[in-house]
N, C-alpha and C. Protein backbone atom coordinates (compact mmCIF):
# COMPACT_ATOMS: atom_id res chain seq x y z
N UNK A 1 5.99 16.61 12.74
CA UNK A 1 6.18 15.60 11.73
C UNK A 1 6.66 16.22 10.42
N UNK A 2 6.33 17.48 10.17
CA UNK A 2 6.76 18.13 8.93
C UNK A 2 8.28 18.17 8.88
N UNK A 3 8.83 17.81 7.73
CA UNK A 3 10.27 17.86 7.54
C UNK A 3 10.99 16.59 7.96
N UNK A 4 10.34 15.73 8.74
CA UNK A 4 10.98 14.48 9.14
C UNK A 4 10.95 13.51 7.97
N UNK A 5 11.99 12.70 7.87
CA UNK A 5 12.02 11.68 6.84
C UNK A 5 11.26 10.46 7.36
N UNK A 6 10.15 10.14 6.74
CA UNK A 6 9.27 9.07 7.22
C UNK A 6 9.37 7.78 6.41
N UNK A 7 10.10 7.80 5.33
CA UNK A 7 10.19 6.62 4.47
C UNK A 7 10.26 7.04 3.02
N UNK A 8 10.07 6.06 2.13
CA UNK A 8 10.12 6.36 0.71
C UNK A 8 9.34 5.34 -0.10
N UNK A 9 8.90 5.78 -1.27
CA UNK A 9 8.31 4.90 -2.27
C UNK A 9 9.38 4.61 -3.30
N UNK A 10 9.70 3.36 -3.48
CA UNK A 10 10.75 2.96 -4.42
C UNK A 10 10.07 2.36 -5.66
N UNK A 11 10.24 2.99 -6.83
CA UNK A 11 9.61 2.45 -8.04
C UNK A 11 10.13 1.05 -8.37
N UNK A 12 9.20 0.13 -8.64
CA UNK A 12 9.57 -1.22 -9.03
C UNK A 12 10.13 -1.16 -10.45
N UNK A 13 11.26 -1.76 -10.67
CA UNK A 13 11.87 -1.76 -11.98
C UNK A 13 12.86 -0.62 -12.18
N UNK A 14 13.09 0.17 -11.14
CA UNK A 14 14.08 1.23 -11.24
C UNK A 14 13.50 2.62 -11.23
N UNK A 15 14.34 3.56 -10.91
CA UNK A 15 13.92 4.96 -10.83
C UNK A 15 14.28 5.53 -9.48
N UNK A 16 14.17 6.84 -9.37
CA UNK A 16 14.51 7.52 -8.13
C UNK A 16 13.43 7.29 -7.08
N UNK A 17 13.84 6.98 -5.84
CA UNK A 17 12.87 6.85 -4.75
C UNK A 17 12.18 8.19 -4.48
N UNK A 18 10.94 8.12 -4.04
CA UNK A 18 10.17 9.31 -3.70
C UNK A 18 10.13 9.41 -2.18
N UNK A 19 10.77 10.44 -1.60
CA UNK A 19 10.77 10.56 -0.14
C UNK A 19 9.38 10.92 0.39
N UNK A 20 9.05 10.34 1.54
CA UNK A 20 7.78 10.61 2.21
C UNK A 20 8.09 11.46 3.44
N UNK A 21 7.99 12.76 3.30
CA UNK A 21 8.46 13.67 4.34
C UNK A 21 7.35 14.41 5.09
N UNK A 22 6.11 14.16 4.73
CA UNK A 22 4.99 14.82 5.40
C UNK A 22 4.00 13.78 5.91
N UNK A 23 3.20 14.17 6.85
CA UNK A 23 2.25 13.25 7.45
C UNK A 23 1.11 12.84 6.55
N UNK A 24 0.70 13.72 5.65
CA UNK A 24 -0.37 13.42 4.69
C UNK A 24 0.11 13.88 3.33
N UNK A 25 0.05 12.97 2.36
CA UNK A 25 0.50 13.26 1.00
C UNK A 25 -0.55 12.83 0.00
N UNK A 26 -0.89 13.73 -0.93
CA UNK A 26 -1.78 13.35 -2.03
C UNK A 26 -0.93 12.96 -3.23
N UNK A 27 -1.38 11.93 -3.94
CA UNK A 27 -0.69 11.46 -5.13
C UNK A 27 -1.66 11.49 -6.29
N UNK A 28 -1.20 12.01 -7.41
CA UNK A 28 -2.05 12.06 -8.59
C UNK A 28 -1.37 12.78 -9.74
N UNK A 29 -2.12 12.96 -10.82
CA UNK A 29 -1.57 13.57 -12.03
C UNK A 29 -1.50 15.09 -11.93
N UNK A 30 -2.32 15.71 -11.07
CA UNK A 30 -2.32 17.16 -10.96
C UNK A 30 -1.02 17.70 -10.39
N UNK A 31 -0.64 18.87 -10.86
CA UNK A 31 0.56 19.53 -10.34
C UNK A 31 0.41 19.93 -8.88
N UNK A 32 -0.83 20.12 -8.43
CA UNK A 32 -1.08 20.53 -7.04
C UNK A 32 -0.94 19.39 -6.04
N UNK A 33 -0.80 18.15 -6.52
CA UNK A 33 -0.61 17.01 -5.62
C UNK A 33 0.77 17.10 -4.98
N UNK A 34 0.88 16.57 -3.77
CA UNK A 34 2.18 16.54 -3.10
C UNK A 34 3.18 15.70 -3.90
N UNK A 35 2.70 14.61 -4.46
CA UNK A 35 3.53 13.77 -5.33
C UNK A 35 2.81 13.68 -6.67
N UNK A 36 3.35 14.37 -7.66
CA UNK A 36 2.73 14.43 -8.98
C UNK A 36 3.28 13.30 -9.85
N UNK A 37 2.37 12.44 -10.30
CA UNK A 37 2.72 11.31 -11.16
C UNK A 37 2.05 11.55 -12.50
N UNK A 38 2.80 12.03 -13.44
CA UNK A 38 2.23 12.46 -14.72
C UNK A 38 2.16 11.32 -15.73
N UNK A 39 1.19 10.45 -15.49
CA UNK A 39 0.92 9.35 -16.40
C UNK A 39 -0.56 9.37 -16.73
N UNK A 40 -0.94 9.07 -17.98
CA UNK A 40 -2.34 9.20 -18.39
C UNK A 40 -3.32 8.32 -17.62
N UNK A 41 -2.89 7.18 -17.10
CA UNK A 41 -3.82 6.29 -16.41
C UNK A 41 -3.94 6.59 -14.91
N UNK A 42 -3.30 7.65 -14.45
CA UNK A 42 -3.39 8.07 -13.05
C UNK A 42 -4.34 9.25 -12.98
N UNK A 43 -5.30 9.17 -12.04
CA UNK A 43 -6.30 10.22 -11.88
C UNK A 43 -5.67 11.50 -11.35
N UNK A 44 -6.38 12.61 -11.54
CA UNK A 44 -5.89 13.90 -11.06
C UNK A 44 -5.57 13.87 -9.58
N UNK A 45 -6.47 13.37 -8.78
CA UNK A 45 -6.27 13.13 -7.34
C UNK A 45 -6.51 11.64 -7.14
N UNK A 46 -5.46 10.85 -7.18
CA UNK A 46 -5.59 9.40 -7.22
C UNK A 46 -5.75 8.77 -5.83
N UNK A 47 -4.80 9.06 -4.93
CA UNK A 47 -4.85 8.45 -3.60
C UNK A 47 -4.13 9.34 -2.59
N UNK A 48 -4.26 8.96 -1.35
CA UNK A 48 -3.64 9.71 -0.26
C UNK A 48 -2.86 8.75 0.62
N UNK A 49 -1.65 9.13 0.96
CA UNK A 49 -0.84 8.39 1.94
C UNK A 49 -0.83 9.20 3.21
N UNK A 50 -1.09 8.54 4.33
CA UNK A 50 -1.03 9.25 5.61
C UNK A 50 -0.24 8.43 6.61
N UNK A 51 0.55 9.15 7.40
CA UNK A 51 1.37 8.52 8.43
C UNK A 51 0.61 8.60 9.74
N UNK A 52 0.20 7.46 10.26
CA UNK A 52 -0.62 7.41 11.47
C UNK A 52 0.25 7.59 12.71
N UNK A 53 -0.35 8.17 13.75
CA UNK A 53 0.38 8.41 15.00
C UNK A 53 0.96 7.13 15.58
N UNK A 54 0.33 6.00 15.30
CA UNK A 54 0.82 4.72 15.80
C UNK A 54 2.13 4.31 15.14
N UNK A 55 2.51 4.99 14.02
CA UNK A 55 3.82 4.74 13.41
C UNK A 55 3.82 3.92 12.15
N UNK A 56 2.73 3.91 11.40
CA UNK A 56 2.69 3.18 10.13
C UNK A 56 2.02 4.03 9.07
N UNK A 57 2.25 3.67 7.79
CA UNK A 57 1.65 4.37 6.66
C UNK A 57 0.33 3.71 6.28
N UNK A 58 -0.60 4.53 5.80
CA UNK A 58 -1.94 4.10 5.41
C UNK A 58 -2.26 4.72 4.06
N UNK A 59 -2.83 3.95 3.13
CA UNK A 59 -3.18 4.47 1.81
C UNK A 59 -4.70 4.44 1.66
N UNK A 60 -5.23 5.46 0.97
CA UNK A 60 -6.67 5.56 0.74
C UNK A 60 -6.90 6.06 -0.67
N UNK A 61 -7.73 5.33 -1.42
CA UNK A 61 -8.11 5.72 -2.78
C UNK A 61 -9.01 6.95 -2.69
N UNK A 62 -8.81 7.92 -3.56
CA UNK A 62 -9.61 9.14 -3.57
C UNK A 62 -10.64 9.13 -4.70
N UNK A 63 -11.18 7.95 -5.00
CA UNK A 63 -12.18 7.84 -6.06
C UNK A 63 -11.57 7.79 -7.44
N UNK A 64 -10.39 7.23 -7.54
CA UNK A 64 -9.68 7.17 -8.82
C UNK A 64 -10.38 6.25 -9.80
N UNK A 65 -10.08 6.44 -11.07
CA UNK A 65 -10.65 5.61 -12.13
C UNK A 65 -10.02 4.22 -12.15
N UNK A 66 -8.70 4.14 -12.02
CA UNK A 66 -7.98 2.87 -12.16
C UNK A 66 -7.57 2.22 -10.85
N UNK A 67 -7.90 2.83 -9.72
CA UNK A 67 -7.73 2.20 -8.42
C UNK A 67 -6.31 2.04 -7.92
N UNK A 68 -6.23 1.42 -6.75
CA UNK A 68 -4.96 1.10 -6.12
C UNK A 68 -4.97 -0.36 -5.71
N UNK A 69 -3.78 -0.94 -5.65
CA UNK A 69 -3.62 -2.32 -5.20
C UNK A 69 -2.49 -2.35 -4.19
N UNK A 70 -2.65 -3.21 -3.20
CA UNK A 70 -1.57 -3.48 -2.25
C UNK A 70 -1.28 -4.97 -2.36
N UNK A 71 -0.06 -5.29 -2.72
CA UNK A 71 0.37 -6.68 -2.92
C UNK A 71 -0.60 -7.42 -3.87
N UNK A 72 -0.90 -6.76 -4.98
CA UNK A 72 -1.74 -7.31 -6.06
C UNK A 72 -3.21 -7.51 -5.68
N UNK A 73 -3.66 -6.92 -4.59
CA UNK A 73 -5.06 -7.01 -4.18
C UNK A 73 -5.67 -5.61 -4.22
N UNK A 74 -6.74 -5.44 -4.99
CA UNK A 74 -7.37 -4.13 -5.10
C UNK A 74 -8.02 -3.76 -3.77
N UNK A 75 -7.76 -2.53 -3.33
CA UNK A 75 -8.28 -2.05 -2.05
C UNK A 75 -8.78 -0.61 -2.21
N UNK A 76 -9.62 -0.19 -1.30
CA UNK A 76 -10.01 1.22 -1.22
C UNK A 76 -9.13 1.94 -0.21
N UNK A 77 -8.72 1.21 0.82
CA UNK A 77 -7.82 1.76 1.83
C UNK A 77 -7.17 0.60 2.57
N UNK A 78 -5.98 0.86 3.11
CA UNK A 78 -5.28 -0.22 3.81
C UNK A 78 -4.03 0.31 4.49
N UNK A 79 -3.71 -0.28 5.63
CA UNK A 79 -2.44 -0.02 6.30
C UNK A 79 -1.34 -0.70 5.49
N UNK A 80 -0.16 -0.07 5.47
CA UNK A 80 0.95 -0.58 4.67
C UNK A 80 2.11 -1.01 5.55
N UNK A 81 2.53 -2.25 5.39
CA UNK A 81 3.73 -2.73 6.07
C UNK A 81 4.95 -2.32 5.25
N UNK A 82 6.10 -2.17 5.90
CA UNK A 82 7.33 -1.94 5.12
C UNK A 82 7.54 -3.09 4.14
N UNK A 83 7.85 -2.75 2.89
CA UNK A 83 8.06 -3.76 1.87
C UNK A 83 6.82 -4.10 1.07
N UNK A 84 5.66 -3.59 1.46
CA UNK A 84 4.45 -3.83 0.66
C UNK A 84 4.59 -3.18 -0.70
N UNK A 85 3.99 -3.83 -1.71
CA UNK A 85 3.97 -3.25 -3.05
C UNK A 85 2.66 -2.48 -3.23
N UNK A 86 2.78 -1.21 -3.57
CA UNK A 86 1.64 -0.35 -3.82
C UNK A 86 1.57 -0.07 -5.31
N UNK A 87 0.45 -0.45 -5.94
CA UNK A 87 0.24 -0.17 -7.35
C UNK A 87 -0.76 0.97 -7.46
N UNK A 88 -0.34 2.05 -8.07
CA UNK A 88 -1.20 3.20 -8.33
C UNK A 88 -1.47 3.16 -9.82
N UNK A 89 -2.72 2.80 -10.18
CA UNK A 89 -3.05 2.44 -11.55
C UNK A 89 -2.11 1.28 -11.91
N UNK A 90 -1.25 1.42 -12.90
CA UNK A 90 -0.33 0.33 -13.24
C UNK A 90 1.11 0.62 -12.82
N UNK A 91 1.32 1.73 -12.11
CA UNK A 91 2.66 2.09 -11.63
C UNK A 91 2.88 1.45 -10.27
N UNK A 92 3.96 0.69 -10.14
CA UNK A 92 4.21 -0.07 -8.91
C UNK A 92 5.37 0.51 -8.12
N UNK A 93 5.18 0.54 -6.81
CA UNK A 93 6.17 1.07 -5.87
C UNK A 93 6.23 0.15 -4.66
N UNK A 94 7.39 0.09 -4.05
CA UNK A 94 7.55 -0.60 -2.78
C UNK A 94 7.71 0.48 -1.71
N UNK A 95 6.94 0.36 -0.63
CA UNK A 95 7.07 1.35 0.45
C UNK A 95 8.12 0.85 1.44
N UNK A 96 9.05 1.73 1.76
CA UNK A 96 10.12 1.40 2.69
C UNK A 96 10.10 2.40 3.84
N UNK A 97 10.03 1.90 5.05
CA UNK A 97 10.13 2.75 6.25
C UNK A 97 10.41 1.86 7.45
N UNK A 98 10.82 2.48 8.54
CA UNK A 98 11.13 1.74 9.77
C UNK A 98 9.86 1.63 10.62
N UNK A 99 9.62 0.43 11.13
CA UNK A 99 8.44 0.15 11.93
C UNK A 99 8.90 -0.28 13.32
N UNK A 100 8.51 0.49 14.33
CA UNK A 100 8.88 0.14 15.70
C UNK A 100 8.06 -1.06 16.18
N UNK A 101 8.44 -1.65 17.32
CA UNK A 101 7.70 -2.79 17.86
C UNK A 101 6.26 -2.42 18.19
N UNK A 102 6.05 -1.24 18.77
CA UNK A 102 4.68 -0.83 19.11
C UNK A 102 3.88 -0.58 17.84
N UNK A 103 4.52 -0.02 16.80
CA UNK A 103 3.83 0.19 15.53
C UNK A 103 3.50 -1.14 14.87
N UNK A 104 4.37 -2.14 15.04
CA UNK A 104 4.12 -3.47 14.48
C UNK A 104 2.84 -4.05 15.06
N UNK A 105 2.67 -3.93 16.38
CA UNK A 105 1.45 -4.43 17.02
C UNK A 105 0.23 -3.66 16.54
N UNK A 106 0.36 -2.34 16.40
CA UNK A 106 -0.77 -1.51 15.96
C UNK A 106 -1.19 -1.85 14.53
N UNK A 107 -0.22 -2.01 13.64
CA UNK A 107 -0.57 -2.29 12.24
C UNK A 107 -1.18 -3.68 12.10
N UNK A 108 -0.69 -4.64 12.86
CA UNK A 108 -1.27 -5.99 12.79
C UNK A 108 -2.71 -5.98 13.30
N UNK A 109 -3.00 -5.19 14.33
CA UNK A 109 -4.37 -5.09 14.83
C UNK A 109 -5.29 -4.47 13.77
N UNK A 110 -4.81 -3.43 13.10
CA UNK A 110 -5.60 -2.77 12.05
C UNK A 110 -5.83 -3.73 10.88
N UNK A 111 -4.80 -4.43 10.47
CA UNK A 111 -4.94 -5.35 9.33
C UNK A 111 -5.85 -6.53 9.68
N UNK A 112 -5.81 -7.03 10.92
CA UNK A 112 -6.70 -8.14 11.28
C UNK A 112 -8.15 -7.68 11.32
N UNK A 113 -8.41 -6.43 11.73
CA UNK A 113 -9.77 -5.88 11.68
C UNK A 113 -10.26 -5.80 10.25
N UNK A 114 -9.39 -5.35 9.33
CA UNK A 114 -9.76 -5.25 7.93
C UNK A 114 -10.11 -6.62 7.36
N UNK A 115 -9.37 -7.66 7.74
CA UNK A 115 -9.65 -9.00 7.25
C UNK A 115 -10.98 -9.50 7.76
N UNK A 116 -11.33 -9.19 9.03
CA UNK A 116 -12.60 -9.62 9.60
C UNK A 116 -13.78 -9.01 8.86
N UNK A 117 -13.63 -7.80 8.35
CA UNK A 117 -14.70 -7.12 7.64
C UNK A 117 -15.13 -7.91 6.41
N UNK A 118 -14.21 -8.60 5.76
CA UNK A 118 -14.49 -9.29 4.52
C UNK A 118 -14.86 -10.77 4.71
N UNK A 119 -14.99 -11.22 5.94
CA UNK A 119 -15.33 -12.62 6.17
C UNK A 119 -16.79 -12.92 5.85
N UNK A 120 -17.66 -11.91 5.90
CA UNK A 120 -19.07 -12.09 5.61
C UNK A 120 -19.45 -11.28 4.39
N UNK A 121 -20.43 -11.79 3.64
CA UNK A 121 -20.96 -11.00 2.52
C UNK A 121 -21.86 -9.90 3.07
N UNK A 122 -22.17 -8.92 2.24
CA UNK A 122 -23.07 -7.86 2.67
C UNK A 122 -24.44 -8.40 3.04
N UNK A 123 -24.93 -9.41 2.32
CA UNK A 123 -26.22 -10.02 2.64
C UNK A 123 -26.18 -10.69 4.01
N UNK A 124 -25.06 -11.36 4.33
CA UNK A 124 -24.93 -11.99 5.64
C UNK A 124 -24.89 -10.94 6.74
N UNK A 125 -24.17 -9.84 6.52
CA UNK A 125 -24.11 -8.77 7.51
C UNK A 125 -25.47 -8.17 7.77
N UNK A 126 -26.29 -8.06 6.73
CA UNK A 126 -27.62 -7.47 6.86
C UNK A 126 -28.64 -8.47 7.41
N UNK A 127 -28.24 -9.73 7.59
CA UNK A 127 -29.14 -10.75 8.10
C UNK A 127 -30.07 -11.30 7.03
N UNK A 128 -29.76 -11.09 5.77
CA UNK A 128 -30.62 -11.54 4.68
C UNK A 128 -30.16 -12.87 4.07
N UNK A 129 -29.04 -13.36 4.53
CA UNK A 129 -28.54 -14.65 4.04
C UNK A 129 -27.96 -15.41 5.22
N UNK A 130 -28.04 -16.73 5.12
CA UNK A 130 -27.50 -17.56 6.20
C UNK A 130 -25.99 -17.58 6.15
N UNK A 131 -25.38 -17.66 7.30
CA UNK A 131 -23.94 -17.86 7.36
C UNK A 131 -23.65 -19.27 6.93
N UNK A 132 -22.74 -19.40 6.03
CA UNK A 132 -22.50 -20.71 5.42
C UNK A 132 -21.84 -21.71 6.36
N UNK A 133 -20.66 -21.46 6.84
CA UNK A 133 -19.88 -22.46 7.57
C UNK A 133 -20.44 -22.68 8.97
N UNK A 134 -20.63 -21.63 9.74
CA UNK A 134 -21.07 -21.77 11.13
C UNK A 134 -22.45 -22.40 11.22
N UNK A 135 -23.39 -21.97 10.38
CA UNK A 135 -24.74 -22.51 10.48
C UNK A 135 -24.81 -23.94 9.98
N UNK A 136 -24.00 -24.29 9.02
CA UNK A 136 -23.97 -25.69 8.57
C UNK A 136 -23.44 -26.57 9.69
N UNK A 137 -22.38 -26.10 10.38
CA UNK A 137 -21.85 -26.86 11.51
C UNK A 137 -22.88 -27.01 12.63
N UNK A 138 -23.64 -25.94 12.91
CA UNK A 138 -24.66 -25.99 13.96
C UNK A 138 -25.78 -26.97 13.58
N UNK A 139 -26.16 -27.02 12.31
CA UNK A 139 -27.21 -27.93 11.86
C UNK A 139 -26.78 -29.39 11.99
N UNK A 140 -25.50 -29.65 11.82
CA UNK A 140 -25.00 -31.02 11.92
C UNK A 140 -25.06 -31.55 13.34
N UNK A 141 -25.06 -30.65 14.34
CA UNK A 141 -25.07 -31.07 15.74
C UNK A 141 -26.42 -31.60 16.17
N UNK A 142 -27.50 -31.24 15.46
CA UNK A 142 -28.86 -31.65 15.85
C UNK A 142 -29.12 -33.11 15.63
């Protein structure tokens, strides 16, 4: 995978695209990062982009102060579709890469799992709160 062109981050509003040529890339303000973004609101080690064997890019926050967003939604980690907007602190980029049919199926499966995780509150998952919709429907049947 080293040396292969895997895609690019295109700055929103103009600027040179950043090629994604390695399987795992760190992004942050430090010079030691694979992609150094020298802006005051970007953490030293802000986030990591990784290219999964299934053929899609994945972003993970590395404990940054100002976080990351995908399509205006704050996340800790998430699979990225081609064309998704990635905001690192307040710097916005569009990720561009080719997605094969098998990778399309893999990324949709990962994203649907992520959505299922957020359907319940932590209290509901722990069994400390009633499920709102399903239990109300069950009570109506009695």
